[in-house]
């Protein structure tokens, strides 16, 4: 049991703590390896959301009246390797270890929010294909439920582990949802939905215009 607590549990918790950085780096690697612009767009949205959250945190630490009362010791669960880069870009090396302001939106939760907002935006953008049965409505409903549960679990995990306050966790999640949803919807319609077709589903309008067969999932 001691070995489990010292090594296995610690490794799992650590990897959960740096999950946003792992997601961002994984998306970048996939975009490069697969030469996939759609994945690159998602990686860019995650990076922008993290940078926005970092900027708000920086401004609060610099200008908030209660910033002086915040401890200067940084909890190891606050930021991962990418987060530290954002800190150094904004605060410089000397102040890069400064504790995140408790009222600042969580960069961790903003990443979760972007992924959730991206998923909800895809359902909006490709509603025509979903309604036509190319993508099952029941699958979309299941995905929405899973996304909601993951958001709730992420808040519980971060707050219970002492890494975030409720304000920071919810604020970061809201920031990510807004950035992910509206950014994806805007990009989808600006590029005629081609830069957001991460599912690789056939576009109903294109198939009709080209006279191609429309594949409809027939569930009996």
Protein backbone atom coordinates (compact mmCIF):
# COMPACT_ATOMS: atom_id res chain seq x y z
CA UNK A 1 0.00 0.00 0.00
CA UNK A 2 2.88 2.36 0.79
CA UNK A 3 4.39 1.73 -2.66
CA UNK A 4 1.02 2.41 -4.27
CA UNK A 5 0.60 5.69 -2.41
CA UNK A 6 4.18 6.83 -2.99
CA UNK A 7 4.48 5.98 -6.67
CA UNK A 8 1.31 4.92 -8.47
CA UNK A 9 -1.13 7.36 -6.85
CA UNK A 10 1.41 10.18 -6.98
CA UNK A 11 2.04 9.55 -10.69
CA UNK A 12 -1.69 9.54 -11.48
CA UNK A 13 -2.30 12.76 -9.55
CA UNK A 14 0.68 14.47 -11.13
CA UNK A 15 -0.44 13.57 -14.65
CA UNK A 16 -3.94 14.81 -13.87
CA UNK A 17 -2.46 18.08 -12.63
CA UNK A 18 -0.56 18.71 -15.88
CA UNK A 19 -3.43 17.45 -18.08
CA UNK A 20 -3.98 20.80 -19.88
CA UNK A 21 -0.32 20.95 -20.89
CA UNK A 22 -0.40 17.34 -22.04
CA UNK A 23 -3.54 18.00 -24.10
CA UNK A 24 -2.04 21.08 -25.75
CA UNK A 25 1.27 19.40 -26.57
CA UNK A 26 -0.52 16.26 -27.79
CA UNK A 27 -2.73 18.28 -30.12
CA UNK A 28 0.28 20.14 -31.52
CA UNK A 29 2.14 16.89 -32.17
CA UNK A 30 -0.92 15.33 -33.83
CA UNK A 31 -1.45 18.40 -36.00
CA UNK A 32 2.16 18.23 -37.20
CA UNK A 33 2.32 14.47 -37.69
CA UNK A 34 -1.04 14.25 -39.44
CA UNK A 35 -0.66 17.61 -41.20
CA UNK A 36 -4.20 18.28 -40.00
CA UNK A 37 -5.32 21.90 -39.93
CA UNK A 38 -8.46 21.04 -37.98
CA UNK A 39 -6.45 19.65 -35.06
CA UNK A 40 -4.12 22.66 -35.28
CA UNK A 41 -7.14 24.96 -34.90
CA UNK A 42 -8.21 23.13 -31.74
CA UNK A 43 -4.66 23.37 -30.35
CA UNK A 44 -4.64 27.10 -31.09
CA UNK A 45 -7.95 27.58 -29.26
CA UNK A 46 -6.60 25.74 -26.21
CA UNK A 47 -3.42 27.82 -26.24
CA UNK A 48 -5.31 31.09 -26.58
CA UNK A 49 -7.65 30.20 -23.71
CA UNK A 50 -4.72 29.32 -21.45
CA UNK A 51 -2.99 32.58 -22.37
CA UNK A 52 -6.16 34.59 -21.69
CA UNK A 53 -6.55 32.98 -18.27
CA UNK A 54 -2.88 33.63 -17.54
CA UNK A 55 -3.26 37.27 -18.57
CA UNK A 56 -6.25 37.80 -16.27
CA UNK A 57 -4.32 36.16 -13.43
CA UNK A 58 -1.32 38.38 -14.11
CA UNK A 59 -3.45 41.54 -14.10
CA UNK A 60 -5.15 40.55 -10.85
CA UNK A 61 -1.83 39.84 -9.15
CA UNK A 62 -0.50 43.20 -10.38
CA UNK A 63 -3.46 45.49 -9.75
CA UNK A 64 -5.80 43.78 -7.26
CA UNK A 65 -5.84 45.50 -3.82
CA UNK A 66 -5.58 42.15 -2.01
CA UNK A 67 -2.72 40.82 -4.16
CA UNK A 68 -0.22 41.65 -1.41
CA UNK A 69 -1.91 39.22 0.95
CA UNK A 70 -1.48 36.29 -1.45
CA UNK A 71 1.42 34.04 -0.58
CA UNK A 72 4.37 34.19 -2.97
CA UNK A 73 4.96 30.44 -2.64
CA UNK A 74 3.63 28.61 -5.65
CA UNK A 75 1.78 25.34 -5.08
CA UNK A 76 3.13 22.67 -7.41
CA UNK A 77 -0.37 21.80 -8.60
CA UNK A 78 -1.06 25.31 -9.87
CA UNK A 79 0.80 25.28 -13.16
CA UNK A 80 2.46 22.74 -15.44
CA UNK A 81 5.36 23.22 -17.85
CA UNK A 82 3.35 25.15 -20.45
CA UNK A 83 1.71 27.29 -17.76
CA UNK A 84 5.13 28.26 -16.45
CA UNK A 85 6.03 29.48 -19.94
CA UNK A 86 2.97 31.78 -19.93
CA UNK A 87 4.03 33.02 -16.48
CA UNK A 88 7.59 33.76 -17.58
CA UNK A 89 6.39 35.59 -20.70
CA UNK A 90 4.20 37.87 -18.61
CA UNK A 91 5.96 38.17 -15.27
CA UNK A 92 9.59 37.50 -16.08
CA UNK A 93 11.80 34.77 -14.64
CA UNK A 94 12.13 36.39 -11.22
CA UNK A 95 8.38 36.39 -10.52
CA UNK A 96 7.41 33.31 -12.49
CA UNK A 97 6.80 31.28 -9.34
CA UNK A 98 4.30 33.77 -7.90
CA UNK A 99 1.11 32.14 -6.69
CA UNK A 100 -1.93 32.36 -8.92
CA UNK A 101 -4.53 34.80 -7.62
CA UNK A 102 -7.44 32.79 -6.13
CA UNK A 103 -10.01 34.87 -8.01
CA UNK A 104 -8.32 34.49 -11.38
CA UNK A 105 -9.88 32.12 -13.92
CA UNK A 106 -8.19 28.75 -13.86
CA UNK A 107 -6.00 27.97 -16.88
CA UNK A 108 -6.64 24.30 -16.13
CA UNK A 109 -10.41 24.74 -16.27
CA UNK A 110 -10.21 27.01 -19.30
CA UNK A 111 -8.68 24.09 -21.22
CA UNK A 112 -11.51 21.80 -20.17
CA UNK A 113 -13.97 24.55 -21.11
CA UNK A 114 -12.47 24.97 -24.60
CA UNK A 115 -12.81 21.25 -25.32
CA UNK A 116 -16.40 21.29 -24.05
CA UNK A 117 -17.24 24.44 -26.01
CA UNK A 118 -15.64 22.93 -29.11
CA UNK A 119 -17.83 19.84 -28.78
CA UNK A 120 -21.01 21.89 -28.32
CA UNK A 121 -20.05 24.11 -31.25
CA UNK A 122 -19.63 21.10 -33.54
CA UNK A 123 -23.18 20.04 -32.74
CA UNK A 124 -24.37 23.51 -33.73
CA UNK A 125 -22.29 23.74 -36.91
CA UNK A 126 -23.17 20.26 -38.16
CA UNK A 127 -26.78 20.21 -37.00
CA UNK A 128 -27.89 19.64 -40.60
CA UNK A 129 -25.87 16.45 -40.86
CA UNK A 130 -26.91 15.33 -37.40
CA UNK A 131 -30.60 15.85 -38.20
CA UNK A 132 -30.12 13.90 -41.44
CA UNK A 133 -28.85 10.92 -39.49
CA UNK A 134 -25.24 11.02 -40.70
CA UNK A 135 -24.28 11.35 -37.04
CA UNK A 136 -26.57 9.67 -34.54
CA UNK A 137 -28.55 12.05 -32.31
CA UNK A 138 -28.33 9.56 -29.46
CA UNK A 139 -24.56 9.60 -29.77
CA UNK A 140 -24.56 13.41 -29.63
CA UNK A 141 -26.74 13.34 -26.51
CA UNK A 142 -24.40 10.81 -24.90
CA UNK A 143 -21.39 12.98 -25.76
CA UNK A 144 -23.10 16.03 -24.23
CA UNK A 145 -23.76 14.10 -20.99
CA UNK A 146 -20.17 12.88 -20.84
CA UNK A 147 -18.85 16.41 -21.42
CA UNK A 148 -21.04 17.74 -18.61
CA UNK A 149 -19.85 15.04 -16.20
CA UNK A 150 -16.21 15.65 -17.08
CA UNK A 151 -16.61 19.37 -16.42
CA UNK A 152 -18.17 18.67 -13.04
CA UNK A 153 -15.49 16.13 -12.12
CA UNK A 154 -12.73 18.53 -13.14
CA UNK A 155 -14.14 21.22 -10.85
CA UNK A 156 -14.44 18.77 -7.95
CA UNK A 157 -10.91 17.47 -8.49
CA UNK A 158 -9.27 20.89 -8.64
CA UNK A 159 -11.20 22.39 -5.73
CA UNK A 160 -10.86 19.30 -3.52
CA UNK A 161 -7.11 19.13 -4.16
CA UNK A 162 -6.70 22.76 -3.12
CA UNK A 163 -5.50 23.88 -6.54
CA UNK A 164 -8.40 26.21 -7.29
CA UNK A 165 -11.12 28.17 -5.59
CA UNK A 166 -14.71 27.77 -6.72
CA UNK A 167 -14.54 31.24 -8.29
CA UNK A 168 -11.36 30.43 -10.17
CA UNK A 169 -12.57 27.03 -11.35
CA UNK A 170 -15.98 28.21 -12.54
CA UNK A 171 -14.50 31.38 -14.04
CA UNK A 172 -11.90 29.42 -15.98
CA UNK A 173 -14.51 26.97 -17.21
CA UNK A 174 -16.77 29.82 -18.37
CA UNK A 175 -13.88 31.54 -20.15
CA UNK A 176 -12.98 28.32 -21.94
CA UNK A 177 -16.57 27.57 -22.91
CA UNK A 178 -17.03 31.03 -24.40
CA UNK A 179 -13.71 30.94 -26.28
CA UNK A 180 -14.19 27.38 -27.50
CA UNK A 181 -17.82 27.71 -28.55
CA UNK A 182 -17.87 31.12 -30.20
CA UNK A 183 -14.39 30.78 -31.66
CA UNK A 184 -15.26 27.45 -33.26
CA UNK A 185 -18.65 28.60 -34.55
CA UNK A 186 -17.12 31.74 -36.08
CA UNK A 187 -14.32 29.77 -37.70
CA UNK A 188 -16.70 27.09 -38.92
CA UNK A 189 -18.92 29.48 -40.79
CA UNK A 190 -15.99 31.62 -41.98
CA UNK A 191 -14.34 28.59 -43.61
CA UNK A 192 -17.57 26.98 -44.83
CA UNK A 193 -17.19 24.39 -42.03
CA UNK A 194 -14.08 22.82 -43.51
CA UNK A 195 -11.61 23.87 -40.79
CA UNK A 196 -13.86 22.45 -38.07
CA UNK A 197 -14.76 19.10 -39.62
CA UNK A 198 -12.70 17.14 -37.11
CA UNK A 199 -15.18 14.25 -37.30
CA UNK A 200 -14.49 13.85 -41.01
CA UNK A 201 -18.20 13.48 -41.69
CA UNK A 202 -19.51 13.96 -45.23
CA UNK A 203 -21.09 17.37 -45.60
CA UNK A 204 -24.72 16.93 -46.63
CA UNK A 205 -24.82 20.06 -48.77
CA UNK A 206 -21.70 19.07 -50.73
CA UNK A 207 -23.02 15.60 -51.42
CA UNK A 208 -26.34 16.94 -52.67
CA UNK A 209 -24.62 19.50 -54.92
CA UNK A 210 -22.29 16.85 -56.32
CA UNK A 211 -25.05 14.33 -56.82
CA UNK A 212 -23.36 11.87 -54.49
CA UNK A 213 -25.09 9.35 -52.28
CA UNK A 214 -26.11 10.58 -48.83
CA UNK A 215 -25.30 7.99 -46.19
CA UNK A 216 -27.95 7.84 -43.49
CA UNK A 217 -27.61 5.71 -40.38
CA UNK A 218 -30.71 3.52 -40.23
CA UNK A 219 -31.27 2.33 -36.68
CA UNK A 220 -34.01 -0.26 -36.32
